Amino acid sequence: MAGRKRIGVLTFHRCINYGSYWQARALVEGLRERGHDAELLDHRSRQVTWAEWRCAFQPTLPERTRRVDIRSYAAKARRFLQAFEALPESVPFDLDDPTALTNYDAIVVGSDEVWNLSHPWYGGKALFYGSGLSADRIVSYAASFGNYSCHWGIGDGYAEQLKRFDQLSVRDENSYWLVRGCTGREPAMVLDPVLQWPQVSGVTDPPARDPYLLLYGHGFPDWYLRKVRAAADAHGLQLVSIGYRNPLADEQLLSAGPLEFAAAVAGASAVATNFFHGCVFALRHGKPFVAVSTPYRHNKLRDLMATVGAEDRLILQEPANGLLSHLLSEPLTAAIDERIEELRSASNAYLDGALD
């Protein structure tokens, strides 16, 4: 393992989003467990904060939040703020002016959609491409372009910035081809931090309750919700929706914070989702799951399933009757765990080389 380094982690660490919180926490704590002095680079922006809070209270736009749910979403946001305060962070600095940052031995950019030029409020921010960072080494870990397709290419300015990285790694094939195409280099393929350091999101006491199927996401196709509802009924499970209101669910856990989310996945019998980290947490806990693809998250979901060998868990269109019910009761194969373990070893090797 590389010697002890002072490391700044640059990612989306203050999003009111379960996946963003956990990938940030897992990455910085994972680096600390490997002997480094790591902290999150605490970038701030009024524009971004306003956008995050608007999304927190109106997460399913253009469908507006019901008045009765506002209080629950406020409680959810407060739980996130409490969780943020427990993270190791740098002195706050302006997202568009990082001159207040001190020098680091290394800065790790990623994971999450840090290079997504289509992101509604972070898209194109030069900081995530390394501009203005002060470090002996700048590397990426599990960085992603999100829904920004590899067929679109990126401008010369962004390409030149990526070429200056000392080491590059991504978490999905779409991002691999974008980096390779614009830099001529082959980035390493590594695991999302939640899977790389599963101990960080470990849960000792899952909620004690009747067996349930956890539903995580919003904007589901109607046919998907009907089939998930039918699967829950067929297996004698309550249908519990977390984070967002889904009308077919028996219970709405709208105020759950990131810690409650991890516990809810750990205690579930199965997971139905259309979110990337819904799949990641199901994999992390070895839960039967099924994901439905949506245009915004298709690249991430498709490439994650292909990477770990779980392609059958991703549904692209309405399937034959009984398939969702089968997948939500069928244990994950041993081959998936073996593949994740292989990637974990390769990811550790990448980090050792990148930070040395």
Protein backbone atom coordinates (compact mmCIF):
# COMPACT_ATOMS: atom_id res chain seq x y z
CA MET A 1 0.00 0.00 0.00
CA ALA A 2 1.18 3.52 -0.76
CA GLY A 3 2.64 5.57 2.10
CA ARG A 4 0.46 7.89 4.19
CA LYS A 5 -0.72 10.87 2.14
CA ARG A 6 -2.74 14.00 2.82
CA ILE A 7 -5.62 13.57 0.37
CA GLY A 8 -8.48 15.81 -0.66
CA VAL A 9 -11.57 14.08 -2.09
CA LEU A 10 -13.50 16.11 -4.64
CA THR A 11 -17.02 14.86 -5.26
CA PHE A 12 -20.72 15.69 -4.78
CA HIS A 13 -20.74 15.40 -0.99
CA ARG A 14 -23.65 17.67 -0.01
CA CYS A 15 -26.40 16.41 -2.29
CA ILE A 16 -29.73 15.49 -0.68
CA ASN A 17 -29.39 12.08 -2.26
CA TYR A 18 -28.66 8.75 -0.60
CA GLY A 19 -26.21 7.55 -3.24
CA SER A 20 -24.22 10.79 -3.35
CA TYR A 21 -23.86 10.84 0.43
CA TRP A 22 -22.76 7.24 0.71
CA GLN A 23 -20.31 7.26 -2.19
CA ALA A 24 -18.63 10.35 -0.71
CA ARG A 25 -18.50 8.94 2.79
CA ALA A 26 -17.30 5.52 1.63
CA LEU A 27 -14.52 7.02 -0.49
CA VAL A 28 -13.11 9.31 2.19
CA GLU A 29 -13.45 6.73 4.99
CA GLY A 30 -12.08 4.00 2.75
CA LEU A 31 -8.97 6.08 2.07
CA ARG A 32 -8.61 6.73 5.79
CA GLU A 33 -8.84 3.02 6.53
CA ARG A 34 -5.98 2.55 4.07
CA GLY A 35 -3.83 4.80 6.24
CA HIS A 36 -4.27 8.17 4.53
CA ASP A 37 -5.24 11.54 6.02
CA ALA A 38 -8.26 12.11 3.78
CA GLU A 39 -10.94 14.79 3.85
CA LEU A 40 -13.70 15.99 1.56
CA LEU A 41 -13.06 19.24 -0.28
CA ASP A 42 -15.96 21.37 0.95
CA HIS A 43 -16.91 23.41 -2.12
CA ARG A 44 -19.86 25.79 -1.69
CA SER A 45 -22.12 27.62 -4.12
CA ARG A 46 -25.32 29.56 -3.49
CA GLN A 47 -26.63 28.48 -6.88
CA VAL A 48 -25.98 24.81 -6.17
CA THR A 49 -27.37 25.01 -2.62
CA TRP A 50 -30.57 26.62 -3.92
CA ALA A 51 -30.91 23.92 -6.59
CA GLU A 52 -30.30 21.12 -4.07
CA TRP A 53 -32.90 22.43 -1.62
CA ARG A 54 -35.44 23.00 -4.38
CA CYS A 55 -34.91 19.40 -5.46
CA ALA A 56 -35.14 18.20 -1.86
CA PHE A 57 -38.63 19.65 -1.47
CA GLN A 58 -39.79 19.09 -5.07
CA PRO A 59 -37.97 15.87 -6.01
CA THR A 60 -40.45 14.61 -8.61
CA LEU A 61 -40.95 17.71 -10.79
CA PRO A 62 -42.88 18.40 -12.98
CA GLU A 63 -45.20 16.62 -10.54
CA ARG A 64 -45.33 18.92 -7.54
CA THR A 65 -44.97 17.69 -3.98
CA ARG A 66 -48.18 17.22 -2.06
CA ARG A 67 -48.58 19.70 0.79
CA VAL A 68 -48.87 16.84 3.29
CA ASP A 69 -45.38 15.59 2.31
CA ILE A 70 -43.49 18.87 2.79
CA ARG A 71 -42.91 18.26 6.50
CA SER A 72 -41.53 14.78 5.82
CA TYR A 73 -39.14 16.05 3.15
CA ALA A 74 -37.99 18.75 5.58
CA ALA A 75 -37.22 16.07 8.17
CA LYS A 76 -35.32 14.11 5.53
CA ALA A 77 -33.24 17.19 4.66
CA ARG A 78 -32.44 17.81 8.35
CA ARG A 79 -31.18 14.24 8.69
CA PHE A 80 -28.91 14.80 5.71
CA LEU A 81 -27.55 18.01 7.24
CA GLN A 82 -26.76 16.15 10.46
CA ALA A 83 -25.00 13.42 8.47
CA PHE A 84 -23.00 16.00 6.51
CA GLU A 85 -21.72 17.58 9.72
CA ALA A 86 -20.14 14.28 10.77
CA LEU A 87 -18.03 14.01 7.60
CA PRO A 88 -14.35 15.03 7.59
CA GLU A 89 -14.24 18.20 5.49
CA SER A 90 -11.80 20.90 4.48
CA VAL A 91 -12.30 24.58 5.16
CA PRO A 92 -15.24 25.68 2.93
CA PHE A 93 -14.32 27.39 -0.35
CA ASP A 94 -16.08 28.83 -3.39
CA LEU A 95 -16.93 26.22 -6.01
CA ASP A 96 -15.86 28.62 -8.75
CA ASP A 97 -12.77 29.93 -6.95
CA PRO A 98 -10.66 27.26 -5.20
CA THR A 99 -7.75 29.58 -4.38
CA ALA A 100 -8.47 29.16 -0.65
CA LEU A 101 -7.51 25.48 -0.86
CA THR A 102 -4.18 24.48 0.62
CA ASN A 103 -1.87 22.04 -1.14
CA TYR A 104 -2.48 18.29 -0.86
CA ASP A 105 -0.24 15.34 -1.56
CA ALA A 106 -3.04 14.10 -3.80
CA ILE A 107 -6.55 15.04 -4.80
CA VAL A 108 -8.95 12.27 -5.75
CA VAL A 109 -11.75 13.40 -8.07
CA GLY A 110 -14.82 11.15 -7.92
CA SER A 111 -16.87 9.16 -7.74
CA ASP A 112 -20.41 10.15 -8.79
CA GLU A 113 -21.22 12.07 -12.00
CA VAL A 114 -18.40 14.58 -11.50
CA TRP A 115 -17.77 14.89 -15.26
CA ASN A 116 -21.40 14.94 -16.39
CA LEU A 117 -21.65 17.96 -18.68
CA SER A 118 -25.44 17.54 -18.68
CA HIS A 119 -25.83 17.69 -14.90
CA PRO A 120 -28.47 20.37 -14.15
CA TRP A 121 -26.29 22.37 -11.75
CA TYR A 122 -22.82 20.84 -11.60
CA GLY A 123 -22.46 20.28 -15.34
CA GLY A 124 -19.29 21.77 -16.81
CA LYS A 125 -17.86 23.07 -13.52
CA ALA A 126 -14.14 23.37 -14.22
CA LEU A 127 -13.13 22.35 -10.69
CA PHE A 128 -14.11 18.72 -11.30
CA TYR A 129 -11.84 18.61 -14.32
CA GLY A 130 -8.91 19.65 -12.14
CA SER A 131 -8.89 23.38 -12.84
CA GLY A 132 -7.40 25.38 -9.97
CA LEU A 133 -6.54 22.38 -7.80
CA SER A 134 -3.29 22.43 -5.87
CA ALA A 135 -1.79 18.98 -5.34
CA ASP A 136 1.30 16.95 -6.10
CA ARG A 137 -0.93 14.40 -7.84
CA ILE A 138 -4.46 14.61 -9.23
CA VAL A 139 -6.20 11.31 -9.89
CA SER A 140 -9.76 10.17 -10.47
CA TYR A 141 -11.56 7.34 -8.73
CA ALA A 142 -14.77 5.84 -10.19
CA ALA A 143 -15.61 9.09 -11.95
CA SER A 144 -18.58 9.12 -14.30
CA PHE A 145 -20.13 11.18 -17.08
CA GLY A 146 -23.58 9.96 -16.03
CA ASN A 147 -26.15 10.31 -18.81
CA TYR A 148 -23.72 12.27 -21.02
CA SER A 149 -23.19 9.83 -23.88
CA CYS A 150 -19.80 8.75 -25.17
CA HIS A 151 -21.13 9.41 -28.69
CA TRP A 152 -21.26 13.16 -28.03
CA GLY A 153 -17.59 13.75 -27.24
CA ILE A 154 -16.31 16.65 -25.13
CA GLY A 155 -14.65 19.95 -25.98
CA ASP A 156 -10.91 20.37 -26.32
CA GLY A 157 -10.73 22.39 -23.10
CA TYR A 158 -12.16 19.61 -20.98
CA ALA A 159 -10.05 17.03 -22.80
CA GLU A 160 -6.85 18.97 -22.09
CA GLN A 161 -7.77 19.15 -18.41
CA LEU A 162 -8.30 15.39 -18.21
CA LYS A 163 -4.97 14.79 -19.93
CA ARG A 164 -3.28 16.53 -16.99
CA PHE A 165 -4.54 13.93 -14.50
CA ASP A 166 -1.76 11.69 -13.23
CA GLN A 167 -4.03 8.63 -13.20
CA LEU A 168 -7.57 8.09 -14.48
CA SER A 169 -10.25 5.61 -13.46
CA VAL A 170 -13.99 5.40 -14.13
CA ARG A 171 -16.88 3.27 -12.92
CA ASP A 172 -18.75 2.60 -16.20
CA GLU A 173 -18.06 1.76 -19.83
CA ASN A 174 -19.67 4.92 -21.18
CA SER A 175 -17.16 7.00 -19.19
CA TYR A 176 -14.33 4.68 -20.26
CA TRP A 177 -14.95 5.44 -23.93
CA LEU A 178 -15.26 9.18 -23.34
CA VAL A 179 -11.96 9.32 -21.45
CA ARG A 180 -10.19 7.09 -23.94
CA GLY A 181 -11.54 9.07 -26.88
CA CYS A 182 -10.53 12.50 -25.56
CA THR A 183 -7.21 11.63 -23.90
CA GLY A 184 -5.91 8.61 -25.81
CA ARG A 185 -5.39 6.88 -22.46
CA GLU A 186 -7.12 3.78 -21.11
CA PRO A 187 -8.69 4.52 -17.72
CA ALA A 188 -8.95 1.77 -15.14
CA MET A 189 -12.41 0.37 -14.40
CA VAL A 190 -13.01 0.42 -10.64
CA LEU A 191 -15.84 -0.19 -8.20
CA ASP A 192 -18.20 2.40 -6.79
CA PRO A 193 -16.96 3.25 -3.27
CA VAL A 194 -20.04 1.72 -1.61
CA LEU A 195 -19.07 -1.67 -3.06
CA GLN A 196 -15.34 -1.08 -2.67
CA TRP A 197 -15.62 -0.40 1.07
CA PRO A 198 -18.83 -2.16 2.16
CA GLN A 199 -17.91 -1.94 5.83
CA VAL A 200 -18.48 1.84 5.78
CA SER A 201 -22.22 1.41 5.15
CA GLY A 202 -22.57 -1.60 7.44
CA VAL A 203 -25.71 -1.89 9.55
CA THR A 204 -25.72 -3.67 12.90
CA ASP A 205 -29.45 -3.49 13.65
CA PRO A 206 -31.79 -3.44 10.65
CA PRO A 207 -35.34 -2.32 11.51
CA ALA A 208 -37.43 -4.99 13.23
CA ARG A 209 -40.64 -5.21 11.23
CA ASP A 210 -42.70 -7.54 9.06
CA PRO A 211 -40.95 -8.68 5.85
CA TYR A 212 -41.00 -6.02 3.14
CA LEU A 213 -40.04 -5.23 -0.42
CA LEU A 214 -38.22 -1.88 -0.61
CA LEU A 215 -39.14 0.46 -3.47
CA TYR A 216 -36.57 3.18 -4.15
CA GLY A 217 -36.90 5.80 -6.86
CA HIS A 218 -39.52 7.82 -8.68
CA GLY A 219 -40.85 8.26 -12.20
CA PHE A 220 -41.44 4.53 -12.61
CA PRO A 221 -43.46 3.23 -15.57
CA ASP A 222 -47.01 2.35 -14.49
CA TRP A 223 -46.57 -1.25 -15.60
CA TYR A 224 -43.45 -1.60 -13.43
CA LEU A 225 -45.23 -0.37 -10.32
CA ARG A 226 -48.16 -2.72 -10.97
CA LYS A 227 -45.84 -5.71 -11.33
CA VAL A 228 -43.81 -4.77 -8.24
CA ARG A 229 -47.06 -4.43 -6.29
CA ALA A 230 -48.18 -7.85 -7.55
CA ALA A 231 -44.81 -9.38 -6.62
CA ALA A 232 -45.04 -8.01 -3.08
CA ASP A 233 -48.53 -9.47 -2.72
CA ALA A 234 -47.48 -12.82 -4.20
CA HIS A 235 -44.59 -13.16 -1.72
CA GLY A 236 -46.51 -11.87 1.30
CA LEU A 237 -44.38 -8.73 1.62
CA GLN A 238 -45.29 -5.19 2.56
CA LEU A 239 -44.34 -2.69 -0.14
CA VAL A 240 -42.35 0.14 1.45
CA SER A 241 -41.30 3.21 -0.55
CA ILE A 242 -38.28 5.14 0.72
CA GLY A 243 -37.27 8.70 -0.07
CA TYR A 244 -40.11 9.42 -2.49
CA ARG A 245 -43.87 8.92 -2.53
CA ASN A 246 -45.10 6.01 -4.63
CA PRO A 247 -48.88 5.63 -4.41
CA LEU A 248 -49.03 1.83 -4.64
CA ALA A 249 -46.81 1.36 -1.58
CA ASP A 250 -48.18 0.30 1.81
CA GLU A 251 -45.88 2.71 3.61
CA GLN A 252 -44.01 5.89 2.64
CA LEU A 253 -40.64 6.47 4.37
CA LEU A 254 -40.29 10.02 3.09
CA SER A 255 -38.31 11.40 6.03
CA ALA A 256 -35.58 8.74 5.99
CA GLY A 257 -32.04 10.11 6.06
CA PRO A 258 -28.95 8.34 4.67
CA LEU A 259 -28.46 6.20 7.77
CA GLU A 260 -32.09 5.10 7.73
CA PHE A 261 -31.77 4.31 4.03
CA ALA A 262 -28.83 1.97 4.60
CA ALA A 263 -30.73 0.23 7.39
CA ALA A 264 -33.86 -0.10 5.24
CA VAL A 265 -31.94 -1.85 2.45
CA ALA A 266 -30.18 -4.11 4.95
CA GLY A 267 -33.51 -5.21 6.40
CA ALA A 268 -35.41 -5.66 3.13
CA SER A 269 -36.32 -9.00 1.58
CA ALA A 270 -35.77 -7.52 -1.90
CA VAL A 271 -35.30 -4.17 -3.67
CA ALA A 272 -37.10 -2.64 -6.65
CA THR A 273 -35.52 0.51 -8.06
CA ASN A 274 -34.63 2.67 -11.03
CA PHE A 275 -31.66 4.35 -9.29
CA PHE A 276 -27.98 3.44 -9.64
CA HIS A 277 -27.32 3.30 -5.92
CA GLY A 278 -30.51 1.36 -5.35
CA CYS A 279 -28.77 -1.39 -7.34
CA VAL A 280 -25.42 -0.77 -5.63
CA PHE A 281 -26.91 -1.13 -2.15
CA ALA A 282 -28.86 -4.23 -3.16
CA LEU A 283 -25.60 -5.73 -4.41
CA ARG A 284 -23.76 -4.60 -1.30
CA HIS A 285 -26.29 -6.43 0.92
CA GLY A 286 -26.81 -9.38 -1.42
CA LYS A 287 -30.52 -8.67 -1.87
CA PRO A 288 -32.63 -9.92 -4.77
CA PHE A 289 -33.41 -6.87 -6.87
CA VAL A 290 -34.77 -5.70 -10.18
CA ALA A 291 -34.13 -2.33 -11.80
CA VAL A 292 -36.06 -0.65 -14.58
CA SER A 293 -34.11 1.53 -16.99
CA THR A 294 -34.88 5.22 -17.48
CA PRO A 295 -33.25 7.54 -20.05
CA TYR A 296 -31.40 9.65 -17.44
CA ARG A 297 -29.85 6.65 -15.66
CA HIS A 298 -29.63 4.11 -18.49
CA ASN A 299 -25.86 4.41 -19.06
CA LYS A 300 -25.06 3.89 -15.39
CA LEU A 301 -27.50 1.04 -14.85
CA ARG A 302 -26.57 -0.82 -18.03
CA ASP A 303 -22.85 -0.60 -17.37
CA LEU A 304 -23.11 -1.55 -13.69
CA MET A 305 -25.12 -4.65 -14.53
CA ALA A 306 -22.66 -5.63 -17.25
CA THR A 307 -19.67 -5.03 -14.98
CA VAL A 308 -20.88 -7.31 -12.18
CA GLY A 309 -22.65 -9.86 -14.39
CA ALA A 310 -26.22 -9.03 -13.36
CA GLU A 311 -27.65 -8.08 -16.76
CA ASP A 312 -30.83 -10.08 -16.15
CA ARG A 313 -31.69 -7.75 -13.24
CA LEU A 314 -32.15 -4.74 -15.55
CA ILE A 315 -35.53 -4.48 -17.29
CA LEU A 316 -35.73 -2.34 -20.42
CA GLN A 317 -39.39 -2.88 -21.29
CA GLU A 318 -42.49 -4.55 -19.89
CA PRO A 319 -41.60 -8.22 -19.40
CA ALA A 320 -43.71 -11.35 -19.47
CA ASN A 321 -45.90 -11.97 -16.44
CA GLY A 322 -44.02 -13.52 -13.56
CA LEU A 323 -40.48 -12.37 -14.43
CA LEU A 324 -40.30 -9.51 -11.93
CA SER A 325 -41.79 -11.68 -9.22
CA HIS A 326 -39.21 -14.36 -9.96
CA LEU A 327 -36.26 -11.94 -9.90
CA LEU A 328 -37.43 -10.39 -6.63
CA SER A 329 -37.30 -13.78 -4.93
CA GLU A 330 -34.28 -15.26 -6.72
CA PRO A 331 -30.99 -14.93 -4.75
CA LEU A 332 -28.03 -13.29 -6.47
CA THR A 333 -25.60 -15.75 -8.01
CA ALA A 334 -22.23 -16.53 -6.46
CA ALA A 335 -20.63 -15.34 -9.70
CA ILE A 336 -21.75 -11.78 -8.95
CA ASP A 337 -20.00 -11.81 -5.57
CA GLU A 338 -16.89 -13.29 -7.18
CA ARG A 339 -16.84 -10.59 -9.83
CA ILE A 340 -17.22 -7.83 -7.23
CA GLU A 341 -14.35 -9.31 -5.23
CA GLU A 342 -12.15 -9.34 -8.35
CA LEU A 343 -12.98 -5.70 -9.03
CA ARG A 344 -12.30 -4.82 -5.39
CA SER A 345 -8.79 -6.23 -5.66
CA ALA A 346 -8.19 -4.42 -8.95
CA SER A 347 -9.50 -1.16 -7.47
CA ASN A 348 -7.14 -1.43 -4.49
CA ALA A 349 -4.24 -2.02 -6.86
CA TYR A 350 -5.23 1.02 -8.91
CA LEU A 351 -5.36 3.24 -5.82
CA ASP A 352 -1.99 2.05 -4.56
CA GLY A 353 -0.39 2.85 -7.89
CA ALA A 354 -2.25 6.14 -8.39
CA LEU A 355 -1.38 7.53 -4.95
CA ASP A 356 2.24 6.34 -4.80
